[in-house]
Amino acid sequence: MEKIIQAIPLDDYRIQILTSSGISGIFDVKPYLKGRFFSELLDESYFKSVKPMHYGIAWPHEQDFSSDTIIWDIQNSVLEASLKREMGTRVAEDKADYNSK
């Protein structure tokens, strides 16, 4: 399991993450805020109290995320963004081909 060495809170319930092996990215916490366990994180000043803790991140009242969850989320959001860009390019190319006929 990766060790989280940096967790910098950002606006819009996101956290800049850096792991011991150099993986970095933005962890978006918004999808997790619907549950009762994480509802306290909706308080922005409390949200900003996040700290790296061993193999994850944590807040003072014991809400936490493991590094596995964080890394999976970061890597899948990067992949999703890449796929959206690729699909957008293909749609634009197909539209240009169609309009040129």
C-alpha atoms as a PDB file:
ATOM      1  CA  MET A   1       0.000   0.000   0.000  1.00  0.00           C
ATOM      2  CA  GLU A   2       1.210   3.518  -0.864  1.00  0.00           C
ATOM      3  CA  LYS A   3       2.002   6.049   1.831  1.00  0.00           C
ATOM      4  CA  ILE A   4       0.410   9.474   1.410  1.00  0.00           C
ATOM      5  CA  ILE A   5       3.083  12.096   2.080  1.00  0.00           C
ATOM      6  CA  GLN A   6       1.174  15.229   1.108  1.00  0.00           C
ATOM      7  CA  ALA A   7      -2.520  16.163   1.254  1.00  0.00           C
ATOM      8  CA  ILE A   8      -3.308  19.782   0.423  1.00  0.00           C
ATOM      9  CA  PRO A   9      -6.985  20.762   0.662  1.00  0.00           C
ATOM     10  CA  LEU A  10      -8.299  22.693  -2.330  1.00  0.00           C
ATOM     11  CA  ASP A  11     -11.594  24.384  -3.148  1.00  0.00           C
ATOM     12  CA  ASP A  12     -14.692  22.402  -4.086  1.00  0.00           C
ATOM     13  CA  TYR A  13     -13.921  19.438  -1.772  1.00  0.00           C
ATOM     14  CA  ARG A  14     -10.792  18.350  -3.615  1.00  0.00           C
ATOM     15  CA  ILE A  15      -7.378  17.431  -2.222  1.00  0.00           C
ATOM     16  CA  GLN A  16      -3.984  17.581  -3.943  1.00  0.00           C
ATOM     17  CA  ILE A  17      -2.278  14.242  -3.174  1.00  0.00           C
ATOM     18  CA  LEU A  18       1.331  13.066  -3.381  1.00  0.00           C
ATOM     19  CA  THR A  19       2.376   9.494  -2.526  1.00  0.00           C
ATOM     20  CA  SER A  20       5.739   8.085  -1.474  1.00  0.00           C
ATOM     21  CA  SER A  21       6.244   6.596  -4.957  1.00  0.00           C
ATOM     22  CA  GLY A  22       5.538   9.895  -6.716  1.00  0.00           C
ATOM     23  CA  ILE A  23       1.917   9.380  -7.746  1.00  0.00           C
ATOM     24  CA  SER A  24       0.196  12.745  -7.658  1.00  0.00           C
ATOM     25  CA  GLY A  25      -3.185  14.103  -8.557  1.00  0.00           C
ATOM     26  CA  ILE A  26      -6.421  15.598  -7.351  1.00  0.00           C
ATOM     27  CA  PHE A  27      -8.676  13.458  -5.155  1.00  0.00           C
ATOM     28  CA  ASP A  28     -12.302  14.597  -5.472  1.00  0.00           C
ATOM     29  CA  VAL A  29     -14.140  13.942  -2.206  1.00  0.00           C
ATOM     30  CA  LYS A  30     -17.551  15.253  -3.413  1.00  0.00           C
ATOM     31  CA  PRO A  31     -18.913  11.835  -4.475  1.00  0.00           C
ATOM     32  CA  TYR A  32     -18.355  10.543  -0.926  1.00  0.00           C
ATOM     33  CA  LEU A  33     -20.092  13.410   0.907  1.00  0.00           C
ATOM     34  CA  LYS A  34     -23.593  11.945   0.542  1.00  0.00           C
ATOM     35  CA  GLY A  35     -23.107   9.445   3.343  1.00  0.00           C
ATOM     36  CA  ARG A  36     -23.720  10.314   6.986  1.00  0.00           C
ATOM     37  CA  PHE A  37     -20.182   9.331   8.007  1.00  0.00           C
ATOM     38  CA  PHE A  38     -18.629  12.042   5.831  1.00  0.00           C
ATOM     39  CA  SER A  39     -21.287  14.756   6.297  1.00  0.00           C
ATOM     40  CA  GLU A  40     -19.063  16.707   8.717  1.00  0.00           C
ATOM     41  CA  LEU A  41     -16.653  17.274   5.804  1.00  0.00           C
ATOM     42  CA  LEU A  42     -19.237  19.637   4.282  1.00  0.00           C
ATOM     43  CA  ASP A  43     -17.971  22.245   6.766  1.00  0.00           C
ATOM     44  CA  GLU A  44     -15.205  23.828   4.675  1.00  0.00           C
ATOM     45  CA  SER A  45     -13.002  24.781   7.628  1.00  0.00           C
ATOM     46  CA  TYR A  46     -13.211  21.221   8.962  1.00  0.00           C
ATOM     47  CA  PHE A  47     -12.568  19.799   5.484  1.00  0.00           C
ATOM     48  CA  LYS A  48      -9.336  21.810   5.327  1.00  0.00           C
ATOM     49  CA  SER A  49      -8.063  20.078   8.495  1.00  0.00           C
ATOM     50  CA  VAL A  50      -7.214  16.925   6.487  1.00  0.00           C
ATOM     51  CA  LYS A  51      -3.785  15.394   7.135  1.00  0.00           C
ATOM     52  CA  PRO A  52      -1.772  12.522   5.655  1.00  0.00           C
ATOM     53  CA  MET A  53      -2.022   9.541   8.014  1.00  0.00           C
ATOM     54  CA  HIS A  54       0.108   6.453   7.412  1.00  0.00           C
ATOM     55  CA  TYR A  55      -1.493   4.849   4.347  1.00  0.00           C
ATOM     56  CA  GLY A  56      -4.233   7.383   3.692  1.00  0.00           C
ATOM     57  CA  ILE A  57      -5.664  10.711   4.790  1.00  0.00           C
ATOM     58  CA  ALA A  58      -7.738  11.540   7.848  1.00  0.00           C
ATOM     59  CA  TRP A  59      -9.639  14.253   9.689  1.00  0.00           C
ATOM     60  CA  PRO A  60      -9.696  14.903  13.453  1.00  0.00           C
ATOM     61  CA  HIS A  61     -12.982  13.015  14.059  1.00  0.00           C
ATOM     62  CA  GLU A  62     -11.654   9.858  12.368  1.00  0.00           C
ATOM     63  CA  GLN A  63     -13.139  10.192   8.883  1.00  0.00           C
ATOM     64  CA  ASP A  64     -10.558   8.717   6.544  1.00  0.00           C
ATOM     65  CA  PHE A  65      -9.723   7.375   3.096  1.00  0.00           C
ATOM     66  CA  SER A  66      -7.140   4.705   2.343  1.00  0.00           C
ATOM     67  CA  SER A  67      -4.378   5.343  -0.170  1.00  0.00           C
ATOM     68  CA  ASP A  68      -5.820   2.522  -2.312  1.00  0.00           C
ATOM     69  CA  THR A  69      -9.134   4.381  -2.657  1.00  0.00           C
ATOM     70  CA  ILE A  70      -7.397   7.693  -3.319  1.00  0.00           C
ATOM     71  CA  ILE A  71      -5.034   6.312  -5.977  1.00  0.00           C
ATOM     72  CA  TRP A  72      -7.802   4.355  -7.711  1.00  0.00           C
ATOM     73  CA  ASP A  73      -9.940   7.495  -7.834  1.00  0.00           C
ATOM     74  CA  ILE A  74      -7.091   9.667  -9.151  1.00  0.00           C
ATOM     75  CA  GLN A  75      -6.072   7.160 -11.826  1.00  0.00           C
ATOM     76  CA  ASN A  76      -9.642   6.551 -12.980  1.00  0.00           C
ATOM     77  CA  SER A  77     -10.481  10.250 -13.165  1.00  0.00           C
ATOM     78  CA  VAL A  78      -7.367  10.791 -15.329  1.00  0.00           C
ATOM     79  CA  LEU A  79      -8.376   7.860 -17.551  1.00  0.00           C
ATOM     80  CA  GLU A  80     -11.949   9.134 -17.799  1.00  0.00           C
ATOM     81  CA  ALA A  81     -10.761  12.623 -18.793  1.00  0.00           C
ATOM     82  CA  SER A  82      -8.456  11.112 -21.418  1.00  0.00           C
ATOM     83  CA  LEU A  83     -11.276   9.014 -22.875  1.00  0.00           C
ATOM     84  CA  LYS A  84     -13.597  12.031 -22.994  1.00  0.00           C
ATOM     85  CA  ARG A  85     -10.944  14.046 -24.869  1.00  0.00           C
ATOM     86  CA  GLU A  86     -10.373  11.187 -27.306  1.00  0.00           C
ATOM     87  CA  MET A  87     -14.105  10.717 -27.900  1.00  0.00           C
ATOM     88  CA  GLY A  88     -14.563  14.469 -28.381  1.00  0.00           C
ATOM     89  CA  THR A  89     -11.777  14.497 -30.970  1.00  0.00           C
ATOM     90  CA  ARG A  90     -13.304  11.544 -32.800  1.00  0.00           C
ATOM     91  CA  VAL A  91     -16.761  13.147 -32.834  1.00  0.00           C
ATOM     92  CA  ALA A  92     -15.273  16.375 -34.208  1.00  0.00           C
ATOM     93  CA  GLU A  93     -13.352  14.442 -36.894  1.00  0.00           C
ATOM     94  CA  ASP A  94     -16.458  12.445 -37.854  1.00  0.00           C
ATOM     95  CA  LYS A  95     -18.507  15.634 -38.058  1.00  0.00           C
ATOM     96  CA  ALA A  96     -15.846  17.302 -40.236  1.00  0.00           C
ATOM     97  CA  ASP A  97     -15.762  14.232 -42.543  1.00  0.00           C
ATOM     98  CA  TYR A  98     -19.561  14.225 -42.772  1.00  0.00           C
ATOM     99  CA  ASN A  99     -19.739  17.961 -43.524  1.00  0.00           C
ATOM    100  CA  SER A 100     -17.086  17.720 -46.240  1.00  0.00           C
ATOM    101  CA  LYS A 101     -19.139  15.215 -48.249  1.00  0.00           C
END
